[in-house]
Amino acid sequence: MDKHADFKKRLFFFVISIILNSFSNALTVASHCGSALWTASSVNLSSWLNFPLSNVLFVEGLAVILANALLLQHFDWHRMLGNLVFMIPFSYLVGTISTNLDAHGFLTLPLWIRILADALGIVGIGIAVSIYQRANIVLHPNDDLTYIVRFRFMHGRAAKAQWISYIPAISIILLTFIMTHQIHAVGLGTVLAFILQGAVTGWADQHVFTTLKHHLNV
């Protein structure tokens, strides 16, 4: 496959992944049964600081971009710009979709449906991460952090890299709890994300869109 055709293929999969990732994250927020750890950290910061979730997701992403540059030991401006390109639609899609799900009574659904939706959201996030990490056109900074840890320090092991990359998000949740004595968006889905999301990503690498291979850049 020539380079132009390969890029078009990767771009197609990237668009699929950003839609899947945004919707899946919004589903976990709207279910109120526990979000993935990075999303949960943003929800708690949003509640503590009384800022819109979309803005907090964006600012938190900026901080992770700087952390990634420190891990890479240089400023890769192309990579950092790519992180920004990803963050803008992602942050506002998550905020908009979750708000609309709330407005249409998602929270009034039976608990078992919301738990199922939350679990499906966690799985969807793991699959989406696998797709756009392999396409590697641009990455969300949080997933770029996992990607850097995975291939630079963890010899490709997705689950271990995911656990390590969660340390900042867990720290933010603990800080907001200490300051407010409240905790939001942490529940069954958060536990599932911590235990399974990296494994789901590794599984999806092998079973979802298998013609899409990793384009390493670490």
N, C-alpha and C. Protein backbone atom coordinates (compact mmCIF):
# COMPACT_ATOMS: atom_id res chain seq x y z
N MET A 1 0.84 -1.20 0.00
CA MET A 1 0.00 0.00 0.00
C MET A 1 0.88 1.25 0.00
N ASP A 2 0.61 2.21 -0.93
CA ASP A 2 1.44 3.42 -0.98
C ASP A 2 1.13 4.33 0.21
N LYS A 3 2.00 5.29 0.43
CA LYS A 3 1.89 6.13 1.62
C LYS A 3 0.59 6.92 1.65
N HIS A 4 0.14 7.41 0.50
CA HIS A 4 -1.09 8.20 0.46
C HIS A 4 -2.29 7.35 0.84
N ALA A 5 -2.37 6.15 0.29
CA ALA A 5 -3.48 5.24 0.60
C ALA A 5 -3.43 4.82 2.07
N ASP A 6 -2.21 4.60 2.57
CA ASP A 6 -2.07 4.21 3.97
C ASP A 6 -2.53 5.32 4.90
N PHE A 7 -2.19 6.57 4.56
CA PHE A 7 -2.61 7.70 5.40
C PHE A 7 -4.13 7.85 5.37
N LYS A 8 -4.75 7.70 4.22
CA LYS A 8 -6.21 7.80 4.11
C LYS A 8 -6.88 6.73 4.98
N LYS A 9 -6.31 5.52 4.96
CA LYS A 9 -6.84 4.44 5.79
C LYS A 9 -6.72 4.79 7.26
N ARG A 10 -5.55 5.28 7.67
CA ARG A 10 -5.34 5.64 9.07
C ARG A 10 -6.26 6.80 9.48
N LEU A 11 -6.46 7.77 8.59
CA LEU A 11 -7.33 8.90 8.88
C LEU A 11 -8.77 8.44 9.06
N PHE A 12 -9.22 7.50 8.23
CA PHE A 12 -10.57 6.95 8.35
C PHE A 12 -10.77 6.31 9.72
N PHE A 13 -9.80 5.49 10.13
CA PHE A 13 -9.91 4.83 11.43
C PHE A 13 -9.82 5.84 12.57
N PHE A 14 -9.03 6.90 12.38
CA PHE A 14 -8.93 7.93 13.41
C PHE A 14 -10.27 8.60 13.65
N VAL A 15 -10.98 8.94 12.58
CA VAL A 15 -12.29 9.58 12.71
C VAL A 15 -13.26 8.66 13.46
N ILE A 16 -13.25 7.38 13.11
CA ILE A 16 -14.09 6.42 13.82
C ILE A 16 -13.75 6.41 15.31
N SER A 17 -12.46 6.41 15.61
CA SER A 17 -12.02 6.27 17.00
C SER A 17 -12.38 7.50 17.84
N ILE A 18 -12.25 8.70 17.29
CA ILE A 18 -12.54 9.89 18.09
C ILE A 18 -14.03 9.99 18.39
N ILE A 19 -14.87 9.57 17.45
CA ILE A 19 -16.31 9.56 17.70
C ILE A 19 -16.65 8.51 18.76
N LEU A 20 -16.07 7.32 18.62
CA LEU A 20 -16.32 6.24 19.58
C LEU A 20 -15.82 6.64 20.97
N ASN A 21 -14.65 7.25 21.04
CA ASN A 21 -14.07 7.63 22.32
C ASN A 21 -14.89 8.72 23.00
N SER A 22 -15.30 9.71 22.25
CA SER A 22 -16.09 10.81 22.82
C SER A 22 -17.43 10.30 23.34
N PHE A 23 -18.13 9.51 22.52
CA PHE A 23 -19.42 9.00 22.93
C PHE A 23 -19.29 8.07 24.14
N SER A 24 -18.26 7.22 24.14
CA SER A 24 -18.07 6.28 25.24
C SER A 24 -17.78 7.00 26.55
N ASN A 25 -16.93 8.03 26.50
CA ASN A 25 -16.65 8.81 27.70
C ASN A 25 -17.90 9.54 28.18
N ALA A 26 -18.66 10.12 27.25
CA ALA A 26 -19.89 10.80 27.64
C ALA A 26 -20.88 9.83 28.27
N LEU A 27 -20.92 8.61 27.75
CA LEU A 27 -21.82 7.59 28.30
C LEU A 27 -21.47 7.28 29.75
N THR A 28 -20.19 7.20 30.05
CA THR A 28 -19.78 6.92 31.44
C THR A 28 -20.12 8.09 32.36
N VAL A 29 -19.98 9.31 31.86
CA VAL A 29 -20.31 10.48 32.68
C VAL A 29 -21.82 10.53 32.95
N ALA A 30 -22.62 10.35 31.90
CA ALA A 30 -24.06 10.46 32.02
C ALA A 30 -24.68 9.32 32.83
N SER A 31 -24.03 8.17 32.86
CA SER A 31 -24.57 7.03 33.60
C SER A 31 -24.50 7.24 35.10
N HIS A 32 -23.55 8.07 35.57
CA HIS A 32 -23.32 8.32 36.99
C HIS A 32 -23.02 7.02 37.73
N CYS A 33 -22.37 6.10 37.02
CA CYS A 33 -21.97 4.82 37.64
C CYS A 33 -20.45 4.66 37.67
N GLY A 34 -19.74 5.74 37.35
CA GLY A 34 -18.28 5.69 37.39
C GLY A 34 -17.67 5.86 36.03
N SER A 35 -16.80 6.86 35.89
CA SER A 35 -16.14 7.13 34.61
C SER A 35 -14.72 6.58 34.64
N ALA A 36 -14.11 6.52 33.46
CA ALA A 36 -12.68 6.21 33.38
C ALA A 36 -11.91 7.24 34.22
N LEU A 37 -10.75 6.85 34.72
CA LEU A 37 -10.08 7.65 35.75
C LEU A 37 -9.76 9.07 35.30
N TRP A 38 -9.26 9.27 34.09
CA TRP A 38 -8.94 10.62 33.65
C TRP A 38 -10.20 11.47 33.55
N THR A 39 -11.26 10.87 33.01
CA THR A 39 -12.52 11.61 32.92
C THR A 39 -13.06 11.92 34.31
N ALA A 40 -12.97 10.94 35.22
CA ALA A 40 -13.43 11.15 36.60
C ALA A 40 -12.65 12.28 37.26
N SER A 41 -11.34 12.34 37.01
CA SER A 41 -10.53 13.41 37.60
C SER A 41 -11.00 14.77 37.10
N SER A 42 -11.37 14.86 35.81
CA SER A 42 -11.87 16.12 35.26
C SER A 42 -13.23 16.49 35.84
N VAL A 43 -14.10 15.49 36.02
CA VAL A 43 -15.41 15.75 36.61
C VAL A 43 -15.26 16.31 38.02
N ASN A 44 -14.34 15.73 38.80
CA ASN A 44 -14.13 16.21 40.16
C ASN A 44 -13.51 17.60 40.19
N LEU A 45 -12.58 17.87 39.30
CA LEU A 45 -12.02 19.22 39.20
C LEU A 45 -13.10 20.22 38.78
N SER A 46 -13.94 19.82 37.83
CA SER A 46 -15.03 20.69 37.37
C SER A 46 -15.96 21.04 38.52
N SER A 47 -16.29 20.05 39.35
CA SER A 47 -17.17 20.30 40.49
C SER A 47 -16.49 21.18 41.53
N TRP A 48 -15.23 20.93 41.80
CA TRP A 48 -14.50 21.69 42.82
C TRP A 48 -14.32 23.15 42.40
N LEU A 49 -13.90 23.36 41.15
CA LEU A 49 -13.59 24.70 40.68
C LEU A 49 -14.80 25.42 40.09
N ASN A 50 -15.90 24.68 39.91
CA ASN A 50 -17.12 25.22 39.32
C ASN A 50 -16.86 25.75 37.92
N PHE A 51 -16.09 24.97 37.14
CA PHE A 51 -15.82 25.29 35.74
C PHE A 51 -16.53 24.25 34.87
N PRO A 52 -16.90 24.61 33.65
CA PRO A 52 -17.52 23.64 32.74
C PRO A 52 -16.59 22.45 32.49
N LEU A 53 -17.18 21.26 32.39
CA LEU A 53 -16.39 20.05 32.19
C LEU A 53 -15.53 20.13 30.94
N SER A 54 -16.08 20.68 29.86
CA SER A 54 -15.31 20.77 28.60
C SER A 54 -14.03 21.56 28.81
N ASN A 55 -14.12 22.68 29.55
CA ASN A 55 -12.93 23.51 29.79
C ASN A 55 -11.91 22.79 30.66
N VAL A 56 -12.38 22.07 31.67
CA VAL A 56 -11.46 21.35 32.55
C VAL A 56 -10.76 20.23 31.78
N LEU A 57 -11.50 19.51 30.94
CA LEU A 57 -10.88 18.47 30.12
C LEU A 57 -9.77 19.06 29.25
N PHE A 58 -10.01 20.24 28.72
CA PHE A 58 -9.03 20.88 27.84
C PHE A 58 -7.79 21.30 28.62
N VAL A 59 -7.97 21.97 29.75
CA VAL A 59 -6.83 22.46 30.54
C VAL A 59 -6.03 21.28 31.11
N GLU A 60 -6.72 20.26 31.58
CA GLU A 60 -6.03 19.08 32.08
C GLU A 60 -5.18 18.45 30.97
N GLY A 61 -5.72 18.44 29.76
CA GLY A 61 -4.97 17.91 28.63
C GLY A 61 -3.70 18.70 28.35
N LEU A 62 -3.78 20.03 28.49
CA LEU A 62 -2.59 20.86 28.30
C LEU A 62 -1.48 20.49 29.28
N ALA A 63 -1.88 20.24 30.54
CA ALA A 63 -0.90 19.87 31.55
C ALA A 63 -0.23 18.53 31.20
N VAL A 64 -1.01 17.60 30.67
CA VAL A 64 -0.46 16.29 30.30
C VAL A 64 0.48 16.41 29.10
N ILE A 65 0.18 17.33 28.18
CA ILE A 65 1.08 17.57 27.04
C ILE A 65 2.48 17.93 27.54
N LEU A 66 2.54 18.80 28.54
CA LEU A 66 3.84 19.20 29.10
C LEU A 66 4.52 18.01 29.78
N ALA A 67 3.74 17.20 30.49
CA ALA A 67 4.31 16.02 31.14
C ALA A 67 4.88 15.05 30.11
N ASN A 68 4.19 14.89 28.99
CA ASN A 68 4.67 13.99 27.94
C ASN A 68 6.00 14.49 27.37
N ALA A 69 6.11 15.81 27.19
CA ALA A 69 7.36 16.37 26.69
C ALA A 69 8.51 16.07 27.64
N LEU A 70 8.25 16.12 28.94
CA LEU A 70 9.28 15.79 29.92
C LEU A 70 9.71 14.33 29.81
N LEU A 71 8.74 13.44 29.59
CA LEU A 71 9.06 12.01 29.44
C LEU A 71 9.88 11.76 28.17
N LEU A 72 9.53 12.48 27.10
CA LEU A 72 10.26 12.32 25.84
C LEU A 72 11.60 13.05 25.85
N GLN A 73 11.77 13.95 26.83
CA GLN A 73 13.00 14.73 27.02
C GLN A 73 13.27 15.70 25.87
N HIS A 74 12.20 16.08 25.18
CA HIS A 74 12.32 17.14 24.19
C HIS A 74 10.92 17.61 23.82
N PHE A 75 10.83 18.80 23.24
CA PHE A 75 9.55 19.34 22.80
C PHE A 75 9.33 18.97 21.34
N ASP A 76 8.46 18.01 21.11
CA ASP A 76 8.07 17.60 19.76
C ASP A 76 6.85 18.43 19.38
N TRP A 77 7.10 19.56 18.71
CA TRP A 77 6.03 20.52 18.46
C TRP A 77 4.94 19.94 17.57
N HIS A 78 5.32 19.10 16.62
CA HIS A 78 4.33 18.46 15.75
C HIS A 78 3.41 17.55 16.58
N ARG A 79 4.02 16.80 17.47
CA ARG A 79 3.25 15.89 18.33
C ARG A 79 2.33 16.69 19.27
N MET A 80 2.88 17.77 19.85
CA MET A 80 2.10 18.58 20.78
C MET A 80 0.93 19.26 20.08
N LEU A 81 1.16 19.75 18.85
CA LEU A 81 0.08 20.35 18.08
C LEU A 81 -0.99 19.30 17.79
N GLY A 82 -0.55 18.07 17.48
CA GLY A 82 -1.49 16.98 17.24
C GLY A 82 -2.34 16.70 18.46
N ASN A 83 -1.73 16.72 19.65
CA ASN A 83 -2.48 16.55 20.89
C ASN A 83 -3.57 17.61 21.01
N LEU A 84 -3.22 18.86 20.68
CA LEU A 84 -4.20 19.95 20.75
C LEU A 84 -5.34 19.74 19.74
N VAL A 85 -4.97 19.30 18.53
CA VAL A 85 -5.97 19.06 17.49
C VAL A 85 -6.96 18.00 17.95
N PHE A 86 -6.46 16.98 18.65
CA PHE A 86 -7.35 15.94 19.17
C PHE A 86 -8.21 16.48 20.30
N MET A 87 -7.59 17.20 21.21
CA MET A 87 -8.27 17.62 22.44
C MET A 87 -9.48 18.51 22.19
N ILE A 88 -9.38 19.40 21.23
CA ILE A 88 -10.45 20.38 21.04
C ILE A 88 -11.79 19.71 20.71
N PRO A 89 -11.87 18.88 19.65
CA PRO A 89 -13.17 18.24 19.41
C PRO A 89 -13.55 17.24 20.49
N PHE A 90 -12.56 16.51 21.02
CA PHE A 90 -12.86 15.51 22.04
C PHE A 90 -13.47 16.14 23.28
N SER A 91 -12.83 17.18 23.81
CA SER A 91 -13.29 17.81 25.05
C SER A 91 -14.73 18.32 24.91
N TYR A 92 -15.00 18.95 23.79
CA TYR A 92 -16.32 19.56 23.65
C TYR A 92 -17.38 18.54 23.22
N LEU A 93 -16.97 17.49 22.52
CA LEU A 93 -17.91 16.42 22.21
C LEU A 93 -18.35 15.70 23.49
N VAL A 94 -17.39 15.39 24.37
CA VAL A 94 -17.73 14.72 25.63
C VAL A 94 -18.69 15.59 26.44
N GLY A 95 -18.34 16.86 26.59
CA GLY A 95 -19.19 17.76 27.37
C GLY A 95 -20.58 17.90 26.77
N THR A 96 -20.65 18.06 25.47
CA THR A 96 -21.94 18.27 24.80
C THR A 96 -22.81 17.01 24.84
N ILE A 97 -22.20 15.85 24.53
CA ILE A 97 -22.97 14.61 24.50
C ILE A 97 -23.47 14.24 25.89
N SER A 98 -22.61 14.37 26.90
CA SER A 98 -23.03 14.01 28.26
C SER A 98 -24.14 14.95 28.75
N THR A 99 -24.04 16.25 28.42
CA THR A 99 -25.09 17.21 28.79
C THR A 99 -26.42 16.86 28.13
N ASN A 100 -26.35 16.49 26.86
CA ASN A 100 -27.57 16.14 26.13
C ASN A 100 -28.17 14.83 26.64
N LEU A 101 -27.34 13.87 27.01
CA LEU A 101 -27.87 12.63 27.59
C LEU A 101 -28.59 12.93 28.90
N ASP A 102 -27.99 13.81 29.71
CA ASP A 102 -28.65 14.23 30.96
C ASP A 102 -29.99 14.91 30.67
N ALA A 103 -29.98 15.80 29.69
CA ALA A 103 -31.19 16.58 29.37
C ALA A 103 -32.32 15.69 28.87
N HIS A 104 -31.97 14.55 28.27
CA HIS A 104 -32.98 13.66 27.73
C HIS A 104 -33.32 12.52 28.70
N GLY A 105 -32.98 12.71 29.98
CA GLY A 105 -33.45 11.78 31.01
C GLY A 105 -32.67 10.50 31.15
N PHE A 106 -31.40 10.51 30.71
CA PHE A 106 -30.61 9.28 30.82
C PHE A 106 -30.51 8.80 32.27
N LEU A 107 -30.43 9.76 33.19
CA LEU A 107 -30.27 9.41 34.60
C LEU A 107 -31.54 8.78 35.19
N THR A 108 -32.65 8.94 34.51
CA THR A 108 -33.90 8.36 35.02
C THR A 108 -34.07 6.91 34.58
N LEU A 109 -33.20 6.40 33.75
CA LEU A 109 -33.28 5.00 33.32
C LEU A 109 -33.00 4.08 34.50
N PRO A 110 -33.50 2.83 34.45
CA PRO A 110 -33.21 1.89 35.54
C PRO A 110 -31.72 1.72 35.76
N LEU A 111 -31.35 1.45 37.00
CA LEU A 111 -29.93 1.36 37.36
C LEU A 111 -29.20 0.31 36.54
N TRP A 112 -29.83 -0.83 36.30
CA TRP A 112 -29.13 -1.90 35.58
C TRP A 112 -28.79 -1.49 34.15
N ILE A 113 -29.66 -0.66 33.54
CA ILE A 113 -29.37 -0.17 32.19
C ILE A 113 -28.18 0.79 32.23
N ARG A 114 -28.16 1.66 33.25
CA ARG A 114 -27.05 2.62 33.35
C ARG A 114 -25.73 1.91 33.65
N ILE A 115 -25.77 0.85 34.47
CA ILE A 115 -24.56 0.08 34.75
C ILE A 115 -24.06 -0.59 33.47
N LEU A 116 -24.99 -1.17 32.69
CA LEU A 116 -24.61 -1.80 31.42
C LEU A 116 -24.03 -0.77 30.46
N ALA A 117 -24.67 0.41 30.39
CA ALA A 117 -24.18 1.47 29.51
C ALA A 117 -22.79 1.93 29.94
N ASP A 118 -22.58 2.02 31.24
CA ASP A 118 -21.28 2.42 31.78
C ASP A 118 -20.20 1.42 31.40
N ALA A 119 -20.51 0.13 31.56
CA ALA A 119 -19.54 -0.91 31.22
C ALA A 119 -19.23 -0.89 29.72
N LEU A 120 -20.27 -0.71 28.91
CA LEU A 120 -20.05 -0.62 27.47
C LEU A 120 -19.21 0.60 27.11
N GLY A 121 -19.41 1.70 27.86
CA GLY A 121 -18.61 2.89 27.64
C GLY A 121 -17.13 2.64 27.92
N ILE A 122 -16.84 1.93 29.02
CA ILE A 122 -15.45 1.61 29.37
C ILE A 122 -14.81 0.75 28.28
N VAL A 123 -15.55 -0.26 27.81
CA VAL A 123 -15.04 -1.11 26.74
C VAL A 123 -14.82 -0.27 25.47
N GLY A 124 -15.79 0.60 25.16
CA GLY A 124 -15.67 1.45 23.98
C GLY A 124 -14.44 2.34 24.03
N ILE A 125 -14.13 2.87 25.22
CA ILE A 125 -12.94 3.71 25.37
C ILE A 125 -11.68 2.90 25.06
N GLY A 126 -11.60 1.69 25.64
CA GLY A 126 -10.42 0.85 25.40
C GLY A 126 -10.23 0.52 23.94
N ILE A 127 -11.33 0.22 23.24
CA ILE A 127 -11.25 -0.09 21.82
C ILE A 127 -10.84 1.14 21.02
N ALA A 128 -11.44 2.29 21.35
CA ALA A 128 -11.11 3.53 20.64
C ALA A 128 -9.64 3.88 20.81
N VAL A 129 -9.12 3.72 22.02
CA VAL A 129 -7.71 4.01 22.28
C VAL A 129 -6.82 3.12 21.41
N SER A 130 -7.17 1.84 21.32
CA SER A 130 -6.41 0.92 20.49
C SER A 130 -6.39 1.38 19.04
N ILE A 131 -7.54 1.81 18.53
CA ILE A 131 -7.65 2.20 17.13
C ILE A 131 -6.78 3.42 16.84
N TYR A 132 -6.92 4.48 17.67
CA TYR A 132 -6.17 5.69 17.29
C TYR A 132 -4.72 5.65 17.74
N GLN A 133 -4.36 4.77 18.69
CA GLN A 133 -2.94 4.57 18.96
C GLN A 133 -2.27 3.88 17.77
N ARG A 134 -2.96 2.93 17.17
CA ARG A 134 -2.39 2.25 16.00
C ARG A 134 -2.34 3.19 14.79
N ALA A 135 -3.40 3.96 14.58
CA ALA A 135 -3.38 4.91 13.47
C ALA A 135 -2.29 5.96 13.68
N ASN A 136 -2.15 6.42 14.94
CA ASN A 136 -1.10 7.35 15.36
C ASN A 136 -0.97 8.55 14.43
N ILE A 137 -2.10 9.16 14.12
CA ILE A 137 -2.08 10.44 13.40
C ILE A 137 -1.93 11.55 14.43
N VAL A 138 -2.88 11.66 15.32
CA VAL A 138 -2.75 12.49 16.52
C VAL A 138 -3.40 11.71 17.66
N LEU A 139 -2.94 11.96 18.88
CA LEU A 139 -3.45 11.28 20.06
C LEU A 139 -3.93 12.29 21.08
N HIS A 140 -4.91 11.88 21.89
CA HIS A 140 -5.22 12.68 23.06
C HIS A 140 -4.01 12.60 23.99
N PRO A 141 -3.62 13.70 24.64
CA PRO A 141 -2.41 13.66 25.48
C PRO A 141 -2.46 12.59 26.56
N ASN A 142 -3.64 12.32 27.14
CA ASN A 142 -3.71 11.28 28.17
C ASN A 142 -3.35 9.91 27.60
N ASP A 143 -3.82 9.63 26.39
CA ASP A 143 -3.52 8.36 25.75
C ASP A 143 -2.12 8.36 25.15
N ASP A 144 -1.63 9.54 24.77
CA ASP A 144 -0.24 9.64 24.34
C ASP A 144 0.69 9.32 25.52
N LEU A 145 0.30 9.75 26.72
CA LEU A 145 1.06 9.41 27.92
C LEU A 145 1.15 7.89 28.08
N THR A 146 0.01 7.21 27.96
CA THR A 146 0.00 5.75 28.04
C THR A 146 0.86 5.14 26.95
N TYR A 147 0.75 5.70 25.74
CA TYR A 147 1.50 5.21 24.58
C TYR A 147 3.01 5.33 24.82
N ILE A 148 3.44 6.48 25.34
CA ILE A 148 4.87 6.69 25.63
C ILE A 148 5.35 5.71 26.68
N VAL A 149 4.58 5.59 27.77
CA VAL A 149 4.96 4.66 28.84
C VAL A 149 4.98 3.23 28.31
N ARG A 150 3.99 2.89 27.49
CA ARG A 150 3.87 1.51 26.99
C ARG A 150 5.07 1.10 26.16
N PHE A 151 5.46 1.93 25.20
CA PHE A 151 6.49 1.51 24.26
C PHE A 151 7.89 1.99 24.63
N ARG A 152 8.00 2.98 25.51
CA ARG A 152 9.33 3.42 25.91
C ARG A 152 9.79 2.72 27.18
N PHE A 153 8.85 2.38 28.07
CA PHE A 153 9.24 1.85 29.38
C PHE A 153 8.69 0.46 29.69
N MET A 154 7.57 0.08 29.06
CA MET A 154 6.89 -1.17 29.43
C MET A 154 6.98 -2.25 28.36
N HIS A 155 7.84 -2.06 27.36
CA HIS A 155 8.08 -3.08 26.33
C HIS A 155 6.78 -3.52 25.65
N GLY A 156 5.86 -2.56 25.43
CA GLY A 156 4.64 -2.84 24.70
C GLY A 156 3.50 -3.38 25.53
N ARG A 157 3.67 -3.54 26.85
CA ARG A 157 2.63 -4.13 27.69
C ARG A 157 1.56 -3.07 27.99
N ALA A 158 0.39 -3.24 27.37
CA ALA A 158 -0.67 -2.22 27.43
C ALA A 158 -1.23 -2.07 28.84
N ALA A 159 -1.52 -3.18 29.52
CA ALA A 159 -2.19 -3.10 30.83
C ALA A 159 -1.30 -2.39 31.85
N LYS A 160 -0.02 -2.77 31.93
CA LYS A 160 0.88 -2.14 32.91
C LYS A 160 1.07 -0.66 32.62
N ALA A 161 1.20 -0.32 31.35
CA ALA A 161 1.35 1.08 30.97
C ALA A 161 0.13 1.89 31.37
N GLN A 162 -1.06 1.30 31.18
CA GLN A 162 -2.28 1.99 31.54
C GLN A 162 -2.34 2.27 33.03
N TRP A 163 -1.98 1.28 33.84
CA TRP A 163 -2.01 1.46 35.30
C TRP A 163 -1.07 2.57 35.74
N ILE A 164 0.13 2.60 35.19
CA ILE A 164 1.11 3.61 35.57
C ILE A 164 0.64 5.00 35.15
N SER A 165 0.05 5.09 33.96
CA SER A 165 -0.38 6.40 33.46
C SER A 165 -1.58 6.94 34.22
N TYR A 166 -2.25 6.10 35.01
CA TYR A 166 -3.38 6.55 35.81
C TYR A 166 -2.95 7.27 37.10
N ILE A 167 -1.68 7.19 37.47
CA ILE A 167 -1.24 7.75 38.75
C ILE A 167 -1.59 9.24 38.87
N PRO A 168 -1.34 10.09 37.84
CA PRO A 168 -1.73 11.50 37.98
C PRO A 168 -3.24 11.70 38.16
N ALA A 169 -4.05 10.93 37.43
CA ALA A 169 -5.50 11.06 37.54
C ALA A 169 -5.98 10.68 38.94
N ILE A 170 -5.44 9.59 39.49
CA ILE A 170 -5.80 9.17 40.85
C ILE A 170 -5.39 10.25 41.85
N SER A 171 -4.23 10.85 41.64
CA SER A 171 -3.76 11.91 42.54
C SER A 171 -4.70 13.11 42.52
N ILE A 172 -5.20 13.46 41.33
CA ILE A 172 -6.14 14.59 41.22
C ILE A 172 -7.43 14.29 41.97
N ILE A 173 -7.94 13.07 41.80
CA ILE A 173 -9.18 12.68 42.49
C ILE A 173 -8.98 12.73 44.00
N LEU A 174 -7.85 12.25 44.49
CA LEU A 174 -7.58 12.28 45.93
C LEU A 174 -7.47 13.72 46.43
N LEU A 175 -6.82 14.59 45.65
CA LEU A 175 -6.67 15.99 46.04
C LEU A 175 -8.04 16.67 46.14
N THR A 176 -8.89 16.46 45.12
CA THR A 176 -10.20 17.11 45.15
C THR A 176 -11.05 16.56 46.31
N PHE A 177 -10.90 15.29 46.63
CA PHE A 177 -11.64 14.72 47.75
C PHE A 177 -11.19 15.34 49.08
N ILE A 178 -9.86 15.53 49.22
CA ILE A 178 -9.33 16.15 50.43
C ILE A 178 -9.85 17.58 50.58
N MET A 179 -9.95 18.29 49.45
CA MET A 179 -10.34 19.69 49.50
C MET A 179 -11.86 19.87 49.66
N THR A 180 -12.65 18.95 49.12
CA THR A 180 -14.10 19.15 49.10
C THR A 180 -14.87 18.15 49.96
N HIS A 181 -14.20 17.04 50.32
CA HIS A 181 -14.86 15.94 51.03
C HIS A 181 -16.01 15.35 50.21
N GLN A 182 -15.93 15.51 48.90
CA GLN A 182 -16.90 14.93 47.99
C GLN A 182 -16.16 14.22 46.87
N ILE A 183 -16.83 13.25 46.27
CA ILE A 183 -16.23 12.54 45.15
C ILE A 183 -17.30 12.29 44.11
N HIS A 184 -16.95 12.53 42.85
CA HIS A 184 -17.90 12.40 41.75
C HIS A 184 -17.34 11.50 40.66
N ALA A 185 -18.25 10.85 39.92
CA ALA A 185 -17.90 10.06 38.73
C ALA A 185 -16.96 8.90 39.04
N VAL A 186 -16.93 8.49 40.30
CA VAL A 186 -16.12 7.34 40.69
C VAL A 186 -17.07 6.25 41.16
N GLY A 187 -16.98 5.09 40.55
CA GLY A 187 -17.88 4.00 40.90
C GLY A 187 -17.45 2.73 40.21
N LEU A 188 -18.42 1.89 39.90
CA LEU A 188 -18.12 0.61 39.27
C LEU A 188 -17.34 0.79 37.97
N GLY A 189 -17.75 1.76 37.17
CA GLY A 189 -17.07 1.99 35.90
C GLY A 189 -15.61 2.36 36.09
N THR A 190 -15.32 3.12 37.14
CA THR A 190 -13.94 3.51 37.42
C THR A 190 -13.08 2.29 37.75
N VAL A 191 -13.65 1.40 38.56
CA VAL A 191 -12.95 0.16 38.90
C VAL A 191 -12.72 -0.68 37.65
N LEU A 192 -13.75 -0.80 36.82
CA LEU A 192 -13.62 -1.56 35.58
C LEU A 192 -12.55 -0.96 34.68
N ALA A 193 -12.53 0.38 34.60
CA ALA A 193 -11.53 1.04 33.76
C ALA A 193 -10.13 0.77 34.28
N PHE A 194 -9.96 0.86 35.60
CA PHE A 194 -8.63 0.64 36.18
C PHE A 194 -8.14 -0.78 35.92
N ILE A 195 -9.04 -1.74 36.06
CA ILE A 195 -8.65 -3.14 35.92
C ILE A 195 -8.55 -3.58 34.47
N LEU A 196 -9.50 -3.10 33.64
CA LEU A 196 -9.69 -3.72 32.33
C LEU A 196 -9.29 -2.87 31.13
N GLN A 197 -9.25 -1.53 31.28
CA GLN A 197 -9.11 -0.71 30.07
C GLN A 197 -7.84 -1.02 29.29
N GLY A 198 -6.72 -1.16 29.99
CA GLY A 198 -5.48 -1.49 29.30
C GLY A 198 -5.55 -2.85 28.63
N ALA A 199 -6.18 -3.81 29.31
CA ALA A 199 -6.33 -5.15 28.74
C ALA A 199 -7.24 -5.12 27.51
N VAL A 200 -8.32 -4.31 27.58
CA VAL A 200 -9.21 -4.18 26.43
C VAL A 200 -8.46 -3.58 25.24
N THR A 201 -7.62 -2.59 25.51
CA THR A 201 -6.82 -1.98 24.44
C THR A 201 -5.89 -3.02 23.81
N GLY A 202 -5.22 -3.81 24.65
CA GLY A 202 -4.34 -4.86 24.13
C GLY A 202 -5.12 -5.90 23.34
N TRP A 203 -6.32 -6.27 23.83
CA TRP A 203 -7.16 -7.23 23.12
C TRP A 203 -7.59 -6.66 21.78
N ALA A 204 -8.00 -5.39 21.77
CA ALA A 204 -8.47 -4.77 20.53
C ALA A 204 -7.35 -4.67 19.50
N ASP A 205 -6.11 -4.50 19.95
CA ASP A 205 -4.98 -4.49 19.02
C ASP A 205 -4.96 -5.75 18.16
N GLN A 206 -5.37 -6.86 18.78
CA GLN A 206 -5.29 -8.16 18.12
C GLN A 206 -6.58 -8.57 17.41
N HIS A 207 -7.71 -7.95 17.77
CA HIS A 207 -9.00 -8.46 17.29
C HIS A 207 -9.90 -7.43 16.61
N VAL A 208 -9.61 -6.14 16.72
CA VAL A 208 -10.47 -5.11 16.13
C VAL A 208 -9.70 -4.40 15.02
N PHE A 209 -10.24 -4.43 13.79
CA PHE A 209 -9.57 -3.81 12.64
C PHE A 209 -8.11 -4.28 12.57
N THR A 210 -7.93 -5.57 12.41
CA THR A 210 -6.59 -6.16 12.53
C THR A 210 -5.64 -5.75 11.41
N THR A 211 -6.16 -5.19 10.33
CA THR A 211 -5.25 -4.73 9.26
C THR A 211 -4.55 -3.43 9.64
N LEU A 212 -5.03 -2.78 10.71
CA LEU A 212 -4.42 -1.52 11.18
C LEU A 212 -3.31 -1.85 12.15
N LYS A 213 -2.09 -1.53 11.79
CA LYS A 213 -0.92 -1.87 12.60
C LYS A 213 -0.37 -0.63 13.31
N HIS A 214 0.40 -0.84 14.36
CA HIS A 214 1.01 0.29 15.10
C HIS A 214 2.02 1.01 14.22
N HIS A 215 1.95 2.33 14.26
CA HIS A 215 2.93 3.20 13.60
C HIS A 215 3.68 3.91 14.73
N LEU A 216 4.73 3.26 15.21
CA LEU A 216 5.40 3.71 16.42
C LEU A 216 6.09 5.04 16.23
N ASN A 217 6.01 5.88 17.30
CA ASN A 217 6.66 7.18 17.28
C ASN A 217 7.00 7.56 18.71
N VAL A 218 7.95 6.84 19.32
CA VAL A 218 8.31 7.10 20.72
C VAL A 218 9.80 7.28 20.84
